[in-house]
Amino acid sequence: MPEIIDEIPEEDKKRMELSGFEFDARKRSGSFIQRDQHIHLSSSKVEGIEMLPIEIALKKYDWLKDYYWNLVDRDKDEYTKFVAEKEEKEGPRGFVVLARKGSKNIFPLQSCLFMKSAEIQTVHNIIIAEEGAELHLITGCTSSIGREKGTHYGITEIYVGKDAQVSNTMIHTWGENINVFPRSATKVEENGTFLSNYISLKPVGKVQMYPVADLAGKNSVARFNSVVLAPKGSHLDLGQRALLTGEGSSAELISRVITSGGVVFARSHIAGISDNTKGHIECKGLILEDGVIHSIPEVEGRLKNTELTHEAAVGKIARDEIEYLMARGLDEEEATATIIRGFLDVRIKGLPDSLQKEIDAAIDAAESGF
């Protein structure tokens, strides 16, 4: 990426790096960069895995139109309608990842969706993992410093084939005046596994999202993990939903939420639709400064052979925990930071070490703002 690196200002590089983008190409299997509505880079170095701009992919593969606006309904709401209309006029932006049967990437593919100067950014991503493929992707969403306003609309459709595994990690590093409206849906086939990781630890204007995974195949699995910090002025309405449609399917929805003055709605829903299904919701919230956390877990059982559980808790840091650490040599600020870091430390089962390190780095980078 030498020529691309030279074109990007240093302050923008730092924002991209905070969102998990790695400029050392040796640590990534491929890269995609979209700044505003312009695509600067799209490539993959792994045999059997393609990463293409969606407009090119739709022209290259005629069959791809069956996956385009399939899981996400273009008439779902005002935001999907807006993106669909814009795509009809200007063509789609975003990427397509095709992981062919049995392919695997050890280092993740990466994408960066960067808002530089445009007031509106739209993206439409399609991810397809064929039978037996293993695909890991990290997407960083960010904006330039000092943006007065901006709105990002994102459509993502993910297809996890039989015996395939997909991990999709999204790191938001937006500005305090940016509004974000992602719409995402996933379909998981027999014995497939889908891992969704969402991290937002910086100020943002408003985020409204509710990704849905349909576990259509027998013994399919989905795990959602969210790590969120809401500073003052931020409003995040977040959700995650799993439909246990396939026999023996299971899902786990885990959220860690901190408010330091912002508002968070943490919604989770699991529906047990088929026999021998299992699901669990866990949402824990921590109030550092006066803000609001609404934890809304919902389990829906339709058959007697489904097992669904949930737990939710919102509170403050216990004084005795701080005093315990202070008695062992830490000052109060260090003790508080240690407790917060432990609260946010979610080990994600099935994630490669390289991707877990990126998540840990994003949390470490945000500690100064706690």
Protein backbone atom coordinates (compact mmCIF):
# COMPACT_ATOMS: atom_id res chain seq x y z
CA MET A 1 0.00 0.00 0.00
CA PRO A 2 2.92 2.49 -0.40
CA GLU A 3 1.18 4.88 -2.82
CA ILE A 4 -2.01 4.83 -0.74
CA ILE A 5 -0.10 5.62 2.45
CA ASP A 6 1.54 8.64 0.82
CA GLU A 7 -1.84 10.10 -0.13
CA ILE A 8 -3.34 9.93 3.39
CA PRO A 9 -2.66 12.81 5.84
CA GLU A 10 -1.05 11.80 9.13
CA GLU A 11 -4.02 12.86 11.26
CA ASP A 12 -6.31 10.68 9.12
CA LYS A 13 -3.92 7.74 9.43
CA LYS A 14 -4.12 8.01 13.20
CA ARG A 15 -7.92 7.93 13.09
CA MET A 16 -7.83 4.89 10.82
CA GLU A 17 -5.38 3.11 13.12
CA LEU A 18 -7.66 3.78 16.12
CA SER A 19 -10.32 1.90 14.18
CA GLY A 20 -8.14 -1.16 13.70
CA PHE A 21 -6.71 -0.38 10.25
CA GLU A 22 -3.18 -1.72 9.83
CA PHE A 23 -0.88 0.01 7.32
CA ASP A 24 1.61 -2.84 7.51
CA ALA A 25 0.17 -5.04 4.76
CA ARG A 26 2.04 -8.07 6.12
CA LYS A 27 -0.42 -8.18 9.02
CA ARG A 28 -3.52 -8.27 6.83
CA SER A 29 -4.83 -10.66 4.19
CA GLY A 30 -6.34 -7.84 2.15
CA SER A 31 -7.59 -4.27 2.40
CA PHE A 32 -10.44 -2.01 1.35
CA ILE A 33 -10.56 1.78 1.78
CA GLN A 34 -13.57 3.95 1.00
CA ARG A 35 -13.24 7.67 1.72
CA ASP A 36 -16.60 9.41 1.47
CA GLN A 37 -18.03 7.88 -1.76
CA HIS A 38 -14.69 7.13 -3.42
CA ILE A 39 -13.04 3.70 -3.26
CA HIS A 40 -9.25 3.99 -3.03
CA LEU A 41 -8.23 0.37 -2.56
CA SER A 42 -9.68 -3.14 -2.76
CA SER A 43 -7.52 -6.26 -2.77
CA SER A 44 -6.98 -9.72 -1.29
CA LYS A 45 -3.74 -11.72 -1.06
CA VAL A 46 -5.34 -15.05 -0.13
CA GLU A 47 -6.03 -17.73 -2.69
CA GLY A 48 -9.74 -18.46 -2.86
CA ILE A 49 -10.80 -15.15 -1.27
CA GLU A 50 -11.76 -12.09 -3.31
CA MET A 51 -12.37 -8.56 -2.01
CA LEU A 52 -13.96 -6.37 -4.65
CA PRO A 53 -15.84 -3.07 -4.88
CA ILE A 54 -19.50 -4.04 -4.98
CA GLU A 55 -20.14 -2.23 -8.25
CA ILE A 56 -17.41 -4.27 -9.97
CA ALA A 57 -18.45 -7.53 -8.29
CA LEU A 58 -22.07 -7.19 -9.47
CA LYS A 59 -20.84 -6.77 -13.06
CA LYS A 60 -18.33 -9.61 -12.79
CA TYR A 61 -20.71 -12.17 -11.26
CA ASP A 62 -24.25 -12.12 -12.60
CA TRP A 63 -25.40 -14.57 -9.89
CA LEU A 64 -24.46 -12.06 -7.17
CA LYS A 65 -27.66 -10.11 -7.83
CA ASP A 66 -29.49 -12.90 -5.94
CA TYR A 67 -27.55 -11.90 -2.79
CA TYR A 68 -27.99 -8.14 -3.28
CA TRP A 69 -30.85 -6.63 -1.21
CA ASN A 70 -31.84 -10.16 -0.24
CA LEU A 71 -31.33 -10.38 3.54
CA VAL A 72 -31.92 -6.67 4.11
CA ASP A 73 -35.17 -5.40 2.62
CA ARG A 74 -34.66 -2.18 0.67
CA ASP A 75 -38.08 -1.03 1.96
CA LYS A 76 -37.32 -1.90 5.59
CA ASP A 77 -37.23 1.73 6.77
CA GLU A 78 -36.39 5.27 5.68
CA TYR A 79 -32.65 4.56 5.84
CA THR A 80 -32.66 1.48 3.61
CA LYS A 81 -34.95 3.30 1.17
CA PHE A 82 -32.50 6.20 1.06
CA VAL A 83 -29.55 3.92 0.28
CA ALA A 84 -31.50 2.01 -2.37
CA GLU A 85 -32.54 5.21 -4.13
CA LYS A 86 -28.99 6.58 -4.01
CA GLU A 87 -27.63 3.32 -5.46
CA GLU A 88 -30.13 3.46 -8.33
CA LYS A 89 -28.92 6.96 -9.24
CA GLU A 90 -25.18 6.71 -8.58
CA GLY A 91 -24.38 3.00 -8.31
CA PRO A 92 -23.56 1.13 -5.08
CA ARG A 93 -20.50 1.74 -2.91
CA GLY A 94 -18.94 -0.72 -0.50
CA PHE A 95 -17.32 -4.12 -0.92
CA VAL A 96 -18.02 -7.77 -1.65
CA VAL A 97 -15.99 -10.55 -0.03
CA LEU A 98 -16.20 -14.00 -1.62
CA ALA A 99 -14.57 -16.83 0.35
CA ARG A 100 -14.63 -19.90 -1.84
CA LYS A 101 -15.20 -23.44 -0.60
CA GLY A 102 -12.53 -24.50 1.93
CA SER A 103 -10.60 -21.20 1.83
CA LYS A 104 -9.11 -19.65 4.96
CA ASN A 105 -7.38 -16.43 5.99
CA ILE A 106 -5.13 -16.47 9.06
CA PHE A 107 -4.69 -12.69 9.20
CA PRO A 108 -7.98 -10.77 8.86
CA LEU A 109 -9.12 -8.85 5.84
CA GLN A 110 -9.58 -5.20 6.74
CA SER A 111 -11.77 -2.38 5.52
CA CYS A 112 -11.93 1.28 6.46
CA LEU A 113 -15.02 3.41 5.86
CA PHE A 114 -13.80 6.98 6.29
CA MET A 115 -15.83 10.17 6.24
CA LYS A 116 -13.55 13.04 5.23
CA SER A 117 -15.60 15.88 3.81
CA ALA A 118 -18.92 14.55 2.44
CA GLU A 119 -22.00 15.09 4.58
CA ILE A 120 -23.37 11.66 3.62
CA GLN A 121 -21.65 8.30 3.14
CA THR A 122 -23.41 5.16 1.97
CA VAL A 123 -21.98 1.65 1.81
CA HIS A 124 -23.43 -1.73 0.86
CA ASN A 125 -21.35 -4.77 1.75
CA ILE A 126 -21.95 -8.41 0.89
CA ILE A 127 -19.94 -11.18 2.57
CA ILE A 128 -20.22 -14.76 1.35
CA ALA A 129 -18.40 -17.73 2.92
CA GLU A 130 -18.97 -20.92 0.96
CA GLU A 131 -18.99 -24.43 2.43
CA GLY A 132 -16.11 -25.06 4.83
CA ALA A 133 -14.56 -21.60 4.44
CA GLU A 134 -13.10 -19.66 7.37
CA LEU A 135 -13.20 -15.89 7.00
CA HIS A 136 -12.12 -13.14 9.38
CA LEU A 137 -12.84 -9.48 8.72
CA ILE A 138 -12.23 -6.27 10.67
CA THR A 139 -14.02 -3.08 9.64
CA GLY A 140 -13.01 0.31 10.97
CA CYS A 141 -15.51 3.17 10.66
CA THR A 142 -14.21 6.66 11.37
CA SER A 143 -14.33 10.34 10.45
CA SER A 144 -11.84 13.20 10.30
CA ILE A 145 -11.31 15.34 13.39
CA GLY A 146 -13.52 18.40 13.74
CA ARG A 147 -16.34 17.32 11.45
CA GLU A 148 -19.33 19.61 12.05
CA LYS A 149 -21.86 17.03 10.93
CA GLY A 150 -22.25 13.90 8.84
CA THR A 151 -24.41 10.81 8.38
CA HIS A 152 -23.26 7.28 7.57
CA TYR A 153 -25.68 4.69 6.16
CA GLY A 154 -24.45 1.10 5.98
CA ILE A 155 -26.05 -2.05 4.54
CA THR A 156 -24.37 -5.41 5.24
CA GLU A 157 -25.58 -8.83 4.11
CA ILE A 158 -23.65 -11.87 5.34
CA TYR A 159 -24.01 -15.46 4.15
CA VAL A 160 -22.35 -18.22 6.17
CA GLY A 161 -22.36 -21.52 4.29
CA LYS A 162 -22.45 -25.09 5.55
CA ASP A 163 -19.55 -25.83 7.96
CA ALA A 164 -18.22 -22.30 7.38
CA GLN A 165 -17.09 -19.74 9.95
CA VAL A 166 -17.23 -15.95 9.67
CA SER A 167 -16.03 -13.43 12.24
CA ASN A 168 -16.97 -9.83 11.57
CA THR A 169 -15.46 -7.22 13.90
CA MET A 170 -16.59 -3.60 13.64
CA ILE A 171 -14.79 -0.77 15.44
CA HIS A 172 -16.48 2.65 15.47
CA THR A 173 -14.35 5.76 15.98
CA TRP A 174 -16.77 8.40 14.79
CA GLY A 175 -16.93 12.04 15.83
CA GLU A 176 -19.39 13.60 18.25
CA ASN A 177 -21.40 15.14 15.39
CA ILE A 178 -21.73 12.00 13.24
CA ASN A 179 -24.97 10.00 13.04
CA VAL A 180 -24.73 6.34 12.06
CA PHE A 181 -27.45 4.01 10.77
CA PRO A 182 -26.16 0.50 9.95
CA ARG A 183 -28.56 -2.20 8.76
CA SER A 184 -27.17 -5.72 8.91
CA ALA A 185 -28.52 -9.25 8.46
CA THR A 186 -26.87 -12.69 8.42
CA LYS A 187 -27.98 -16.16 7.37
CA VAL A 188 -26.12 -19.17 8.79
CA GLU A 189 -26.39 -22.62 7.22
CA GLU A 190 -25.89 -26.11 8.74
CA ASN A 191 -22.99 -26.31 11.24
CA GLY A 192 -21.99 -22.75 10.35
CA THR A 193 -20.64 -20.29 12.91
CA PHE A 194 -21.03 -16.52 12.92
CA LEU A 195 -19.11 -14.24 15.32
CA SER A 196 -20.11 -10.58 15.45
CA ASN A 197 -18.00 -8.16 17.49
CA TYR A 198 -18.91 -4.49 17.91
CA ILE A 199 -16.75 -1.89 19.66
CA SER A 200 -17.60 1.78 20.17
CA LEU A 201 -15.49 3.63 22.72
CA LYS A 202 -15.35 7.21 21.36
CA PRO A 203 -17.90 10.05 21.25
CA VAL A 204 -20.58 9.79 18.56
CA GLY A 205 -23.73 11.74 17.84
CA LYS A 206 -26.22 8.95 17.34
CA VAL A 207 -26.03 5.26 16.45
CA GLN A 208 -29.12 3.20 15.70
CA MET A 209 -28.60 -0.45 14.72
CA TYR A 210 -30.21 -3.85 15.26
CA PRO A 211 -28.34 -6.64 13.41
CA VAL A 212 -30.23 -9.91 12.94
CA ALA A 213 -28.85 -13.43 12.49
CA ASP A 214 -31.08 -16.17 11.11
CA LEU A 215 -29.65 -19.51 12.24
CA ALA A 216 -31.37 -21.40 9.46
CA GLY A 217 -29.16 -24.48 9.38
CA LYS A 218 -29.09 -27.44 11.74
CA ASN A 219 -26.63 -26.95 14.64
CA SER A 220 -25.68 -23.45 13.46
CA VAL A 221 -24.18 -21.00 15.97
CA ALA A 222 -24.08 -17.22 16.43
CA ARG A 223 -22.24 -15.16 19.04
CA PHE A 224 -22.66 -11.40 19.36
CA ASN A 225 -20.24 -9.41 21.53
CA SER A 226 -20.62 -5.67 22.12
CA VAL A 227 -18.27 -3.38 24.05
CA VAL A 228 -19.61 0.17 24.31
CA LEU A 229 -18.66 3.41 26.05
CA ALA A 230 -21.09 6.34 25.84
CA PRO A 231 -19.52 9.72 26.70
CA LYS A 232 -21.67 12.75 27.40
CA GLY A 233 -23.67 13.77 24.33
CA SER A 234 -23.60 10.31 22.73
CA HIS A 235 -26.83 8.44 22.07
CA LEU A 236 -26.57 4.77 21.12
CA ASP A 237 -29.61 2.63 20.40
CA LEU A 238 -28.08 -0.80 19.90
CA GLY A 239 -29.59 -4.22 19.43
CA GLN A 240 -28.78 -7.77 18.44
CA ARG A 241 -31.24 -10.47 17.47
CA ALA A 242 -30.91 -14.20 16.86
CA LEU A 243 -33.57 -16.37 15.27
CA LEU A 244 -33.04 -20.03 16.18
CA THR A 245 -34.70 -21.38 13.06
CA GLY A 246 -32.59 -24.51 12.52
CA GLU A 247 -32.87 -27.56 14.75
CA GLY A 248 -30.14 -27.60 17.38
CA SER A 249 -29.05 -24.03 16.66
CA SER A 250 -27.73 -21.81 19.46
CA ALA A 251 -26.85 -18.19 20.15
CA GLU A 252 -25.09 -16.10 22.76
CA LEU A 253 -25.54 -12.33 23.00
CA ILE A 254 -23.06 -10.56 25.30
CA SER A 255 -22.94 -6.81 26.00
CA ARG A 256 -20.65 -4.66 28.14
CA VAL A 257 -21.88 -1.09 28.38
CA ILE A 258 -20.42 1.93 30.17
CA THR A 259 -21.91 5.41 30.33
CA SER A 260 -19.90 8.46 31.32
CA GLY A 261 -22.82 10.78 30.68
CA GLY A 262 -24.33 9.38 27.45
CA VAL A 263 -27.47 7.37 26.74
CA VAL A 264 -27.45 3.70 25.73
CA PHE A 265 -30.30 1.39 24.82
CA ALA A 266 -28.96 -2.19 24.86
CA ARG A 267 -31.58 -4.41 23.23
CA SER A 268 -31.20 -8.17 22.80
CA HIS A 269 -33.67 -10.72 21.49
CA ILE A 270 -33.47 -14.48 20.97
CA ALA A 271 -36.35 -16.45 19.48
CA GLY A 272 -36.37 -20.23 19.92
CA ILE A 273 -38.23 -21.33 16.81
CA SER A 274 -37.05 -24.95 16.37
CA ASP A 275 -36.45 -27.99 18.59
CA ASN A 276 -33.36 -28.47 20.77
CA THR A 277 -32.29 -24.83 20.53
CA LYS A 278 -30.39 -22.84 23.14
CA GLY A 279 -29.79 -19.16 23.71
CA HIS A 280 -28.36 -16.87 26.36
CA ILE A 281 -28.33 -13.09 26.78
CA GLU A 282 -25.95 -11.29 29.13
CA CYS A 283 -25.92 -7.50 29.47
CA LYS A 284 -23.87 -5.71 32.10
CA GLY A 285 -23.84 -1.95 32.49
CA LEU A 286 -21.58 0.37 34.46
CA ILE A 287 -22.44 4.01 35.27
CA LEU A 288 -19.34 6.15 35.79
CA GLU A 289 -21.10 9.53 35.59
CA ASP A 290 -24.79 10.33 35.49
CA GLY A 291 -26.09 8.94 32.21
CA VAL A 292 -28.66 6.38 31.15
CA ILE A 293 -28.44 2.68 30.37
CA HIS A 294 -31.59 0.86 29.28
CA SER A 295 -30.93 -2.89 29.25
CA ILE A 296 -33.71 -4.69 27.38
CA PRO A 297 -33.18 -8.48 27.15
CA GLU A 298 -35.97 -10.46 25.50
CA VAL A 299 -36.31 -14.23 25.13
CA GLU A 300 -39.07 -15.76 23.06
CA GLY A 301 -39.77 -19.48 23.29
CA ARG A 302 -42.15 -21.13 20.83
CA LEU A 303 -41.49 -24.82 21.51
CA LYS A 304 -41.04 -26.88 24.66
CA ASN A 305 -37.62 -28.10 23.52
CA THR A 306 -35.93 -24.72 23.58
CA GLU A 307 -33.81 -23.38 26.43
CA LEU A 308 -33.41 -19.61 26.68
CA THR A 309 -31.91 -17.59 29.52
CA HIS A 310 -30.94 -13.99 30.21
CA GLU A 311 -29.30 -11.84 32.84
CA ALA A 312 -28.93 -8.08 33.05
CA ALA A 313 -27.31 -5.80 35.61
CA VAL A 314 -26.61 -2.06 35.77
CA GLY A 315 -24.71 -0.37 38.57
CA LYS A 316 -21.63 1.52 39.69
CA ILE A 317 -18.11 0.52 40.65
CA ALA A 318 -18.18 -0.87 44.16
CA ARG A 319 -16.18 1.22 46.62
CA ASP A 320 -14.75 -1.86 48.32
CA GLU A 321 -13.23 -3.00 45.01
CA ILE A 322 -11.43 0.33 44.63
CA GLU A 323 -10.22 0.24 48.22
CA TYR A 324 -9.00 -3.34 47.78
CA LEU A 325 -6.76 -2.32 44.87
CA MET A 326 -5.63 0.87 46.63
CA ALA A 327 -4.52 -1.25 49.58
CA ARG A 328 -2.22 -3.06 47.14
CA GLY A 329 -0.43 0.05 45.96
CA LEU A 330 -2.63 1.61 43.28
CA ASP A 331 -3.95 5.15 43.57
CA GLU A 332 -7.68 5.71 43.14
CA GLU A 333 -7.44 6.62 39.45
CA GLU A 334 -5.35 3.56 38.66
CA ALA A 335 -7.68 1.32 40.66
CA THR A 336 -10.73 2.65 38.82
CA ALA A 337 -9.06 2.19 35.42
CA THR A 338 -8.08 -1.38 36.32
CA ILE A 339 -11.66 -2.28 37.26
CA ILE A 340 -13.02 -0.74 34.06
CA ARG A 341 -10.46 -2.54 31.94
CA GLY A 342 -11.43 -5.85 33.53
CA PHE A 343 -15.13 -5.07 32.97
CA LEU A 344 -14.55 -4.53 29.25
CA ASP A 345 -12.25 -7.52 28.82
CA VAL A 346 -14.40 -9.97 26.88
CA ARG A 347 -12.61 -13.09 25.63
CA ILE A 348 -14.28 -14.11 22.39
CA LYS A 349 -14.40 -17.83 21.78
CA GLY A 350 -13.30 -18.90 18.32
CA LEU A 351 -11.52 -15.65 17.42
CA PRO A 352 -7.95 -15.87 16.04
CA ASP A 353 -5.25 -14.31 18.22
CA SER A 354 -4.49 -11.62 15.62
CA LEU A 355 -8.06 -10.34 15.75
CA GLN A 356 -8.35 -10.58 19.55
CA LYS A 357 -5.24 -8.40 19.77
CA GLU A 358 -6.92 -5.75 17.62
CA ILE A 359 -9.92 -5.69 19.95
CA ASP A 360 -7.66 -5.45 23.00
CA ALA A 361 -5.72 -2.60 21.34
CA ALA A 362 -8.93 -0.66 20.68
CA ILE A 363 -9.94 -0.97 24.34
CA ASP A 364 -6.44 0.01 25.51
CA ALA A 365 -6.48 3.08 23.26
CA ALA A 366 -9.74 4.26 24.83
CA GLU A 367 -8.63 3.96 28.45
CA SER A 368 -7.45 7.56 28.59
CA GLY A 369 -11.04 8.67 28.03
CA PHE A 370 -12.57 6.73 30.92
